[in-house]
Amino acid sequence: MSDFDLDLRAVEEHIDEELDLEGSIVLGVLDGSTPAEQWIEGVSNGNVLVLNVEGEVNELASGFARDVKEAGGNLVHFRGFLIVTPPGVDVNTDRL
């Protein structure tokens, strides 16, 4: 067996330095009662939105979807929910 020297503490410290994630997962309801600016602000602050859609998703998201996409964020409609992510946070749909 060959000598293999791996310093796990150094790796963990490096990972901690590289991952500078901020934000939260915010649960909400997309029904038209929350101003689009509030959703945009949440995503701009690094939050991932998981919104229960109550109505027509295209109509309800029209006030913020373009701004999120232009800023590099993502929107995915899945099983009655709209997942909205900030730039740098991808939604992997490979298993769908």
PDB file of N, CA and C in Angstrom:
ATOM      1  N   MET A   1       0.843  -1.167   0.000  1.00  0.00           N
ATOM      2  CA  MET A   1       0.000   0.000   0.000  1.00  0.00           C
ATOM      3  C   MET A   1       0.893   1.237   0.000  1.00  0.00           C
ATOM      4  N   SER A   2       0.553   2.229  -0.790  1.00  0.00           N
ATOM      5  CA  SER A   2       1.386   3.434  -0.873  1.00  0.00           C
ATOM      6  C   SER A   2       1.049   4.392   0.258  1.00  0.00           C
ATOM      7  N   ASP A   3       2.028   5.252   0.538  1.00  0.00           N
ATOM      8  CA  ASP A   3       1.802   6.288   1.546  1.00  0.00           C
ATOM      9  C   ASP A   3       0.928   7.372   0.938  1.00  0.00           C
ATOM     10  N   PHE A   4      -0.109   7.694   1.655  1.00  0.00           N
ATOM     11  CA  PHE A   4      -1.023   8.736   1.187  1.00  0.00           C
ATOM     12  C   PHE A   4      -1.274   9.654   2.358  1.00  0.00           C
ATOM     13  N   ASP A   5      -0.788  10.883   2.254  1.00  0.00           N
ATOM     14  CA  ASP A   5      -0.882  11.823   3.362  1.00  0.00           C
ATOM     15  C   ASP A   5      -1.946  12.875   3.037  1.00  0.00           C
ATOM     16  N   LEU A   6      -3.023  12.841   3.777  1.00  0.00           N
ATOM     17  CA  LEU A   6      -4.106  13.798   3.563  1.00  0.00           C
ATOM     18  C   LEU A   6      -4.414  14.466   4.886  1.00  0.00           C
ATOM     19  N   ASP A   7      -4.268  15.758   4.914  1.00  0.00           N
ATOM     20  CA  ASP A   7      -4.547  16.535   6.125  1.00  0.00           C
ATOM     21  C   ASP A   7      -5.991  17.034   6.043  1.00  0.00           C
ATOM     22  N   LEU A   8      -6.896  16.301   6.670  1.00  0.00           N
ATOM     23  CA  LEU A   8      -8.318  16.636   6.591  1.00  0.00           C
ATOM     24  C   LEU A   8      -8.638  17.990   7.215  1.00  0.00           C
ATOM     25  N   ARG A   9      -7.916  18.381   8.252  1.00  0.00           N
ATOM     26  CA  ARG A   9      -8.163  19.701   8.856  1.00  0.00           C
ATOM     27  C   ARG A   9      -7.863  20.817   7.862  1.00  0.00           C
ATOM     28  N   ALA A  10      -6.791  20.672   7.132  1.00  0.00           N
ATOM     29  CA  ALA A  10      -6.447  21.684   6.132  1.00  0.00           C
ATOM     30  C   ALA A  10      -7.504  21.735   5.039  1.00  0.00           C
ATOM     31  N   VAL A  11      -7.996  20.567   4.658  1.00  0.00           N
ATOM     32  CA  VAL A  11      -9.045  20.518   3.634  1.00  0.00           C
ATOM     33  C   VAL A  11     -10.305  21.213   4.146  1.00  0.00           C
ATOM     34  N   GLU A  12     -10.716  20.901   5.383  1.00  0.00           N
ATOM     35  CA  GLU A  12     -11.915  21.526   5.953  1.00  0.00           C
ATOM     36  C   GLU A  12     -11.759  23.036   6.041  1.00  0.00           C
ATOM     37  N   GLU A  13     -10.590  23.496   6.466  1.00  0.00           N
ATOM     38  CA  GLU A  13     -10.354  24.938   6.556  1.00  0.00           C
ATOM     39  C   GLU A  13     -10.437  25.582   5.176  1.00  0.00           C
ATOM     40  N   HIS A  14      -9.895  24.916   4.175  1.00  0.00           N
ATOM     41  CA  HIS A  14      -9.945  25.435   2.808  1.00  0.00           C
ATOM     42  C   HIS A  14     -11.385  25.489   2.303  1.00  0.00           C
ATOM     43  N   ILE A  15     -12.148  24.445   2.586  1.00  0.00           N
ATOM     44  CA  ILE A  15     -13.550  24.428   2.167  1.00  0.00           C
ATOM     45  C   ILE A  15     -14.308  25.558   2.848  1.00  0.00           C
ATOM     46  N   ASP A  16     -14.083  25.740   4.151  1.00  0.00           N
ATOM     47  CA  ASP A  16     -14.759  26.817   4.869  1.00  0.00           C
ATOM     48  C   ASP A  16     -14.427  28.177   4.273  1.00  0.00           C
ATOM     49  N   GLU A  17     -13.195  28.360   3.844  1.00  0.00           N
ATOM     50  CA  GLU A  17     -12.794  29.628   3.234  1.00  0.00           C
ATOM     51  C   GLU A  17     -13.461  29.817   1.881  1.00  0.00           C
ATOM     52  N   GLU A  18     -13.573  28.745   1.107  1.00  0.00           N
ATOM     53  CA  GLU A  18     -14.141  28.819  -0.229  1.00  0.00           C
ATOM     54  C   GLU A  18     -15.652  29.015  -0.208  1.00  0.00           C
ATOM     55  N   LEU A  19     -16.325  28.400   0.755  1.00  0.00           N
ATOM     56  CA  LEU A  19     -17.775  28.502   0.824  1.00  0.00           C
ATOM     57  C   LEU A  19     -18.165  29.709   1.651  1.00  0.00           C
ATOM     58  N   ASP A  20     -18.455  30.772   0.973  1.00  0.00           N
ATOM     59  CA  ASP A  20     -18.875  31.986   1.654  1.00  0.00           C
ATOM     60  C   ASP A  20     -20.361  32.186   1.367  1.00  0.00           C
ATOM     61  N   LEU A  21     -21.158  31.227   1.826  1.00  0.00           N
ATOM     62  CA  LEU A  21     -22.579  31.267   1.554  1.00  0.00           C
ATOM     63  C   LEU A  21     -23.300  32.070   2.629  1.00  0.00           C
ATOM     64  N   GLU A  22     -24.187  32.885   2.179  1.00  0.00           N
ATOM     65  CA  GLU A  22     -25.042  33.633   3.084  1.00  0.00           C
ATOM     66  C   GLU A  22     -26.460  33.492   2.582  1.00  0.00           C
ATOM     67  N   GLY A  23     -27.399  33.680   3.467  1.00  0.00           N
ATOM     68  CA  GLY A  23     -28.782  33.598   3.064  1.00  0.00           C
ATOM     69  C   GLY A  23     -29.481  32.430   3.715  1.00  0.00           C
ATOM     70  N   SER A  24     -30.745  32.329   3.421  1.00  0.00           N
ATOM     71  CA  SER A  24     -31.594  31.312   4.021  1.00  0.00           C
ATOM     72  C   SER A  24     -32.511  30.737   2.958  1.00  0.00           C
ATOM     73  N   ILE A  25     -33.216  29.694   3.338  1.00  0.00           N
ATOM     74  CA  ILE A  25     -34.308  29.200   2.520  1.00  0.00           C
ATOM     75  C   ILE A  25     -35.565  29.838   3.079  1.00  0.00           C
ATOM     76  N   VAL A  26     -36.257  30.577   2.234  1.00  0.00           N
ATOM     77  CA  VAL A  26     -37.444  31.317   2.657  1.00  0.00           C
ATOM     78  C   VAL A  26     -38.675  30.652   2.057  1.00  0.00           C
ATOM     79  N   LEU A  27     -39.587  30.231   2.923  1.00  0.00           N
ATOM     80  CA  LEU A  27     -40.843  29.644   2.475  1.00  0.00           C
ATOM     81  C   LEU A  27     -41.896  30.734   2.407  1.00  0.00           C
ATOM     82  N   GLY A  28     -42.702  30.703   1.347  1.00  0.00           N
ATOM     83  CA  GLY A  28     -43.738  31.718   1.207  1.00  0.00           C
ATOM     84  C   GLY A  28     -44.842  31.254   0.281  1.00  0.00           C
ATOM     85  N   VAL A  29     -45.811  32.118   0.105  1.00  0.00           N
ATOM     86  CA  VAL A  29     -46.943  31.849  -0.775  1.00  0.00           C
ATOM     87  C   VAL A  29     -46.938  32.904  -1.871  1.00  0.00           C
ATOM     88  N   LEU A  30     -46.966  32.450  -3.103  1.00  0.00           N
ATOM     89  CA  LEU A  30     -47.030  33.344  -4.255  1.00  0.00           C
ATOM     90  C   LEU A  30     -48.488  33.421  -4.695  1.00  0.00           C
ATOM     91  N   ASP A  31     -49.176  34.459  -4.221  1.00  0.00           N
ATOM     92  CA  ASP A  31     -50.592  34.623  -4.526  1.00  0.00           C
ATOM     93  C   ASP A  31     -50.938  36.035  -4.979  1.00  0.00           C
ATOM     94  N   GLY A  32     -49.904  36.849  -5.156  1.00  0.00           N
ATOM     95  CA  GLY A  32     -50.122  38.218  -5.595  1.00  0.00           C
ATOM     96  C   GLY A  32     -50.216  39.220  -4.458  1.00  0.00           C
ATOM     97  N   SER A  33     -50.225  38.761  -3.216  1.00  0.00           N
ATOM     98  CA  SER A  33     -50.369  39.687  -2.091  1.00  0.00           C
ATOM     99  C   SER A  33     -49.036  40.288  -1.635  1.00  0.00           C
ATOM    100  N   THR A  34     -47.925  39.681  -2.024  1.00  0.00           N
ATOM    101  CA  THR A  34     -46.602  40.195  -1.666  1.00  0.00           C
ATOM    102  C   THR A  34     -46.043  40.965  -2.849  1.00  0.00           C
ATOM    103  N   PRO A  35     -45.578  42.187  -2.629  1.00  0.00           N
ATOM    104  CA  PRO A  35     -45.015  42.971  -3.733  1.00  0.00           C
ATOM    105  C   PRO A  35     -43.797  42.281  -4.355  1.00  0.00           C
ATOM    106  N   ALA A  36     -43.677  42.385  -5.671  1.00  0.00           N
ATOM    107  CA  ALA A  36     -42.554  41.777  -6.394  1.00  0.00           C
ATOM    108  C   ALA A  36     -41.209  42.248  -5.843  1.00  0.00           C
ATOM    109  N   GLU A  37     -41.137  43.495  -5.429  1.00  0.00           N
ATOM    110  CA  GLU A  37     -39.888  44.046  -4.898  1.00  0.00           C
ATOM    111  C   GLU A  37     -39.403  43.270  -3.676  1.00  0.00           C
ATOM    112  N   GLN A  38     -40.337  42.765  -2.891  1.00  0.00           N
ATOM    113  CA  GLN A  38     -39.969  42.006  -1.705  1.00  0.00           C
ATOM    114  C   GLN A  38     -39.316  40.673  -2.083  1.00  0.00           C
ATOM    115  N   TRP A  39     -39.830  40.016  -3.122  1.00  0.00           N
ATOM    116  CA  TRP A  39     -39.217  38.774  -3.589  1.00  0.00           C
ATOM    117  C   TRP A  39     -37.838  39.057  -4.185  1.00  0.00           C
ATOM    118  N   ILE A  40     -37.734  40.133  -4.963  1.00  0.00           N
ATOM    119  CA  ILE A  40     -36.445  40.508  -5.564  1.00  0.00           C
ATOM    120  C   ILE A  40     -35.415  40.792  -4.471  1.00  0.00           C
ATOM    121  N   GLU A  41     -35.826  41.515  -3.453  1.00  0.00           N
ATOM    122  CA  GLU A  41     -34.921  41.840  -2.348  1.00  0.00           C
ATOM    123  C   GLU A  41     -34.447  40.571  -1.639  1.00  0.00           C
ATOM    124  N   GLY A  42     -35.359  39.637  -1.428  1.00  0.00           N
ATOM    125  CA  GLY A  42     -34.982  38.381  -0.767  1.00  0.00           C
ATOM    126  C   GLY A  42     -33.928  37.623  -1.540  1.00  0.00           C
ATOM    127  N   VAL A  43     -34.109  37.516  -2.855  1.00  0.00           N
ATOM    128  CA  VAL A  43     -33.130  36.817  -3.690  1.00  0.00           C
ATOM    129  C   VAL A  43     -31.834  37.611  -3.762  1.00  0.00           C
ATOM    130  N   SER A  44     -31.917  38.916  -3.839  1.00  0.00           N
ATOM    131  CA  SER A  44     -30.720  39.769  -3.875  1.00  0.00           C
ATOM    132  C   SER A  44     -29.885  39.628  -2.608  1.00  0.00           C
ATOM    133  N   ASN A  45     -30.546  39.294  -1.510  1.00  0.00           N
ATOM    134  CA  ASN A  45     -29.841  39.088  -0.242  1.00  0.00           C
ATOM    135  C   ASN A  45     -29.273  37.675  -0.098  1.00  0.00           C
ATOM    136  N   GLY A  46     -29.375  36.870  -1.168  1.00  0.00           N
ATOM    137  CA  GLY A  46     -28.793  35.535  -1.161  1.00  0.00           C
ATOM    138  C   GLY A  46     -29.731  34.437  -0.712  1.00  0.00           C
ATOM    139  N   ASN A  47     -31.007  34.749  -0.565  1.00  0.00           N
ATOM    140  CA  ASN A  47     -31.973  33.757  -0.109  1.00  0.00           C
ATOM    141  C   ASN A  47     -32.512  32.923  -1.263  1.00  0.00           C
ATOM    142  N   VAL A  48     -32.851  31.683  -0.961  1.00  0.00           N
ATOM    143  CA  VAL A  48     -33.565  30.815  -1.888  1.00  0.00           C
ATOM    144  C   VAL A  48     -35.029  30.857  -1.483  1.00  0.00           C
ATOM    145  N   LEU A  49     -35.903  31.173  -2.426  1.00  0.00           N
ATOM    146  CA  LEU A  49     -37.334  31.237  -2.155  1.00  0.00           C
ATOM    147  C   LEU A  49     -37.998  29.941  -2.598  1.00  0.00           C
ATOM    148  N   VAL A  50     -38.826  29.384  -1.751  1.00  0.00           N
ATOM    149  CA  VAL A  50     -39.659  28.240  -2.093  1.00  0.00           C
ATOM    150  C   VAL A  50     -41.091  28.709  -1.881  1.00  0.00           C
ATOM    151  N   LEU A  51     -41.756  28.996  -3.008  1.00  0.00           N
ATOM    152  CA  LEU A  51     -43.060  29.653  -2.958  1.00  0.00           C
ATOM    153  C   LEU A  51     -44.164  28.712  -3.417  1.00  0.00           C
ATOM    154  N   ASN A  52     -45.174  28.542  -2.585  1.00  0.00           N
ATOM    155  CA  ASN A  52     -46.354  27.775  -2.939  1.00  0.00           C
ATOM    156  C   ASN A  52     -47.187  28.651  -3.874  1.00  0.00           C
ATOM    157  N   VAL A  53     -47.394  28.187  -5.093  1.00  0.00           N
ATOM    158  CA  VAL A  53     -48.083  28.990  -6.110  1.00  0.00           C
ATOM    159  C   VAL A  53     -49.587  28.782  -5.992  1.00  0.00           C
ATOM    160  N   GLU A  54     -50.290  29.871  -5.764  1.00  0.00           N
ATOM    161  CA  GLU A  54     -51.750  29.847  -5.694  1.00  0.00           C
ATOM    162  C   GLU A  54     -52.304  30.703  -6.822  1.00  0.00           C
ATOM    163  N   GLY A  55     -52.383  30.107  -7.995  1.00  0.00           N
ATOM    164  CA  GLY A  55     -52.853  30.812  -9.181  1.00  0.00           C
ATOM    165  C   GLY A  55     -51.958  30.487 -10.366  1.00  0.00           C
ATOM    166  N   GLU A  56     -51.979  31.358 -11.359  1.00  0.00           N
ATOM    167  CA  GLU A  56     -51.195  31.200 -12.587  1.00  0.00           C
ATOM    168  C   GLU A  56     -49.766  31.673 -12.344  1.00  0.00           C
ATOM    169  N   VAL A  57     -48.814  30.741 -12.366  1.00  0.00           N
ATOM    170  CA  VAL A  57     -47.432  31.048 -12.015  1.00  0.00           C
ATOM    171  C   VAL A  57     -46.835  32.135 -12.898  1.00  0.00           C
ATOM    172  N   ASN A  58     -47.081  32.095 -14.204  1.00  0.00           N
ATOM    173  CA  ASN A  58     -46.493  33.100 -15.100  1.00  0.00           C
ATOM    174  C   ASN A  58     -46.992  34.494 -14.769  1.00  0.00           C
ATOM    175  N   GLU A  59     -48.254  34.607 -14.474  1.00  0.00           N
ATOM    176  CA  GLU A  59     -48.828  35.909 -14.118  1.00  0.00           C
ATOM    177  C   GLU A  59     -48.311  36.391 -12.768  1.00  0.00           C
ATOM    178  N   LEU A  60     -48.284  35.499 -11.784  1.00  0.00           N
ATOM    179  CA  LEU A  60     -47.868  35.878 -10.436  1.00  0.00           C
ATOM    180  C   LEU A  60     -46.382  36.216 -10.339  1.00  0.00           C
ATOM    181  N   ALA A  61     -45.557  35.567 -11.149  1.00  0.00           N
ATOM    182  CA  ALA A  61     -44.108  35.794 -11.094  1.00  0.00           C
ATOM    183  C   ALA A  61     -43.636  36.863 -12.071  1.00  0.00           C
ATOM    184  N   SER A  62     -44.542  37.388 -12.873  1.00  0.00           N
ATOM    185  CA  SER A  62     -44.135  38.334 -13.924  1.00  0.00           C
ATOM    186  C   SER A  62     -43.473  39.595 -13.377  1.00  0.00           C
ATOM    187  N   GLY A  63     -43.772  39.971 -12.162  1.00  0.00           N
ATOM    188  CA  GLY A  63     -43.192  41.193 -11.596  1.00  0.00           C
ATOM    189  C   GLY A  63     -41.753  41.062 -11.145  1.00  0.00           C
ATOM    190  N   PHE A  64     -41.255  39.825 -11.019  1.00  0.00           N
ATOM    191  CA  PHE A  64     -39.876  39.651 -10.546  1.00  0.00           C
ATOM    192  C   PHE A  64     -39.055  38.643 -11.338  1.00  0.00           C
ATOM    193  N   ALA A  65     -39.682  37.810 -12.145  1.00  0.00           N
ATOM    194  CA  ALA A  65     -38.955  36.738 -12.841  1.00  0.00           C
ATOM    195  C   ALA A  65     -37.854  37.281 -13.751  1.00  0.00           C
ATOM    196  N   ARG A  66     -38.156  38.267 -14.534  1.00  0.00           N
ATOM    197  CA  ARG A  66     -37.156  38.812 -15.465  1.00  0.00           C
ATOM    198  C   ARG A  66     -35.964  39.388 -14.710  1.00  0.00           C
ATOM    199  N   ASP A  67     -36.240  40.132 -13.631  1.00  0.00           N
ATOM    200  CA  ASP A  67     -35.142  40.722 -12.852  1.00  0.00           C
ATOM    201  C   ASP A  67     -34.240  39.644 -12.260  1.00  0.00           C
ATOM    202  N   VAL A  68     -34.849  38.578 -11.753  1.00  0.00           N
ATOM    203  CA  VAL A  68     -34.066  37.489 -11.171  1.00  0.00           C
ATOM    204  C   VAL A  68     -33.210  36.829 -12.241  1.00  0.00           C
ATOM    205  N   LYS A  69     -33.797  36.524 -13.394  1.00  0.00           N
ATOM    206  CA  LYS A  69     -33.055  35.883 -14.489  1.00  0.00           C
ATOM    207  C   LYS A  69     -31.928  36.773 -14.995  1.00  0.00           C
ATOM    208  N   GLU A  70     -32.196  38.063 -15.168  1.00  0.00           N
ATOM    209  CA  GLU A  70     -31.168  38.981 -15.668  1.00  0.00           C
ATOM    210  C   GLU A  70     -30.016  39.138 -14.694  1.00  0.00           C
ATOM    211  N   ALA A  71     -30.295  38.949 -13.397  1.00  0.00           N
ATOM    212  CA  ALA A  71     -29.243  39.044 -12.384  1.00  0.00           C
ATOM    213  C   ALA A  71     -28.455  37.742 -12.259  1.00  0.00           C
ATOM    214  N   GLY A  72     -28.871  36.694 -12.994  1.00  0.00           N
ATOM    215  CA  GLY A  72     -28.162  35.421 -12.952  1.00  0.00           C
ATOM    216  C   GLY A  72     -28.803  34.372 -12.067  1.00  0.00           C
ATOM    217  N   GLY A  73     -29.998  34.677 -11.533  1.00  0.00           N
ATOM    218  CA  GLY A  73     -30.700  33.719 -10.690  1.00  0.00           C
ATOM    219  C   GLY A  73     -31.482  32.716 -11.520  1.00  0.00           C
ATOM    220  N   ASN A  74     -32.135  31.801 -10.846  1.00  0.00           N
ATOM    221  CA  ASN A  74     -32.900  30.746 -11.511  1.00  0.00           C
ATOM    222  C   ASN A  74     -34.306  30.670 -10.947  1.00  0.00           C
ATOM    223  N   LEU A  75     -35.243  30.254 -11.804  1.00  0.00           N
ATOM    224  CA  LEU A  75     -36.619  29.990 -11.385  1.00  0.00           C
ATOM    225  C   LEU A  75     -37.014  28.624 -11.926  1.00  0.00           C
ATOM    226  N   VAL A  76     -37.562  27.776 -11.051  1.00  0.00           N
ATOM    227  CA  VAL A  76     -38.013  26.454 -11.450  1.00  0.00           C
ATOM    228  C   VAL A  76     -39.392  26.233 -10.838  1.00  0.00           C
ATOM    229  N   HIS A  77     -40.363  25.874 -11.687  1.00  0.00           N
ATOM    230  CA  HIS A  77     -41.707  25.549 -11.219  1.00  0.00           C
ATOM    231  C   HIS A  77     -41.784  24.043 -11.086  1.00  0.00           C
ATOM    232  N   PHE A  78     -42.058  23.557  -9.876  1.00  0.00           N
ATOM    233  CA  PHE A  78     -42.078  22.115  -9.619  1.00  0.00           C
ATOM    234  C   PHE A  78     -43.184  21.775  -8.634  1.00  0.00           C
ATOM    235  N   ARG A  79     -44.130  20.974  -9.093  1.00  0.00           N
ATOM    236  CA  ARG A  79     -45.210  20.450  -8.249  1.00  0.00           C
ATOM    237  C   ARG A  79     -45.925  21.525  -7.437  1.00  0.00           C
ATOM    238  N   GLY A  80     -46.280  22.597  -8.075  1.00  0.00           N
ATOM    239  CA  GLY A  80     -47.030  23.652  -7.399  1.00  0.00           C
ATOM    240  C   GLY A  80     -46.182  24.645  -6.636  1.00  0.00           C
ATOM    241  N   PHE A  81     -44.868  24.493  -6.716  1.00  0.00           N
ATOM    242  CA  PHE A  81     -43.971  25.416  -6.035  1.00  0.00           C
ATOM    243  C   PHE A  81     -43.081  26.111  -7.060  1.00  0.00           C
ATOM    244  N   LEU A  82     -42.731  27.344  -6.764  1.00  0.00           N
ATOM    245  CA  LEU A  82     -41.750  28.071  -7.557  1.00  0.00           C
ATOM    246  C   LEU A  82     -40.505  28.216  -6.699  1.00  0.00           C
ATOM    247  N   ILE A  83     -39.405  27.646  -7.175  1.00  0.00           N
ATOM    248  CA  ILE A  83     -38.129  27.768  -6.478  1.00  0.00           C
ATOM    249  C   ILE A  83     -37.343  28.862  -7.180  1.00  0.00           C
ATOM    250  N   VAL A  84     -36.929  29.849  -6.414  1.00  0.00           N
ATOM    251  CA  VAL A  84     -36.216  31.005  -6.953  1.00  0.00           C
ATOM    252  C   VAL A  84     -34.874  31.077  -6.233  1.00  0.00           C
ATOM    253  N   THR A  85     -33.787  31.027  -7.016  1.00  0.00           N
ATOM    254  CA  THR A  85     -32.457  31.029  -6.417  1.00  0.00           C
ATOM    255  C   THR A  85     -31.657  32.249  -6.853  1.00  0.00           C
ATOM    256  N   PRO A  86     -30.749  32.684  -6.004  1.00  0.00           N
ATOM    257  CA  PRO A  86     -29.874  33.795  -6.368  1.00  0.00           C
ATOM    258  C   PRO A  86     -28.774  33.327  -7.313  1.00  0.00           C
ATOM    259  N   PRO A  87     -28.036  34.256  -7.897  1.00  0.00           N
ATOM    260  CA  PRO A  87     -26.902  33.871  -8.743  1.00  0.00           C
ATOM    261  C   PRO A  87     -25.934  32.971  -7.972  1.00  0.00           C
ATOM    262  N   GLY A  88     -25.440  31.951  -8.652  1.00  0.00           N
ATOM    263  CA  GLY A  88     -24.482  31.049  -8.029  1.00  0.00           C
ATOM    264  C   GLY A  88     -25.107  29.841  -7.353  1.00  0.00           C
ATOM    265  N   VAL A  89     -26.430  29.821  -7.245  1.00  0.00           N
ATOM    266  CA  VAL A  89     -27.124  28.668  -6.660  1.00  0.00           C
ATOM    267  C   VAL A  89     -27.981  28.067  -7.759  1.00  0.00           C
ATOM    268  N   ASP A  90     -27.604  26.878  -8.193  1.00  0.00           N
ATOM    269  CA  ASP A  90     -28.316  26.215  -9.278  1.00  0.00           C
ATOM    270  C   ASP A  90     -29.323  25.221  -8.723  1.00  0.00           C
ATOM    271  N   VAL A  91     -30.345  24.949  -9.515  1.00  0.00           N
ATOM    272  CA  VAL A  91     -31.322  23.917  -9.180  1.00  0.00           C
ATOM    273  C   VAL A  91     -31.058  22.751 -10.129  1.00  0.00           C
ATOM    274  N   ASN A  92     -30.685  21.617  -9.572  1.00  0.00           N
ATOM    275  CA  ASN A  92     -30.399  20.443 -10.378  1.00  0.00           C
ATOM    276  C   ASN A  92     -31.699  19.685 -10.621  1.00  0.00           C
ATOM    277  N   THR A  93     -32.092  19.597 -11.877  1.00  0.00           N
ATOM    278  CA  THR A  93     -33.338  18.918 -12.237  1.00  0.00           C
ATOM    279  C   THR A  93     -33.067  17.589 -12.956  1.00  0.00           C
ATOM    280  N   ASP A  94     -31.862  17.073 -12.853  1.00  0.00           N
ATOM    281  CA  ASP A  94     -31.484  15.844 -13.553  1.00  0.00           C
ATOM    282  C   ASP A  94     -32.344  14.647 -13.161  1.00  0.00           C
ATOM    283  N   ARG A  95     -32.846  14.609 -11.950  1.00  0.00           N
ATOM    284  CA  ARG A  95     -33.611  13.447 -11.489  1.00  0.00           C
ATOM    285  C   ARG A  95     -35.109  13.561 -11.766  1.00  0.00           C
ATOM    286  N   LEU A  96     -35.511  14.615 -12.400  1.00  0.00           N
ATOM    287  CA  LEU A  96     -36.947  14.775 -12.685  1.00  0.00           C
ATOM    288  C   LEU A  96     -37.341  14.056 -13.949  1.00  0.00           C
TER     289      LEU A  96
END
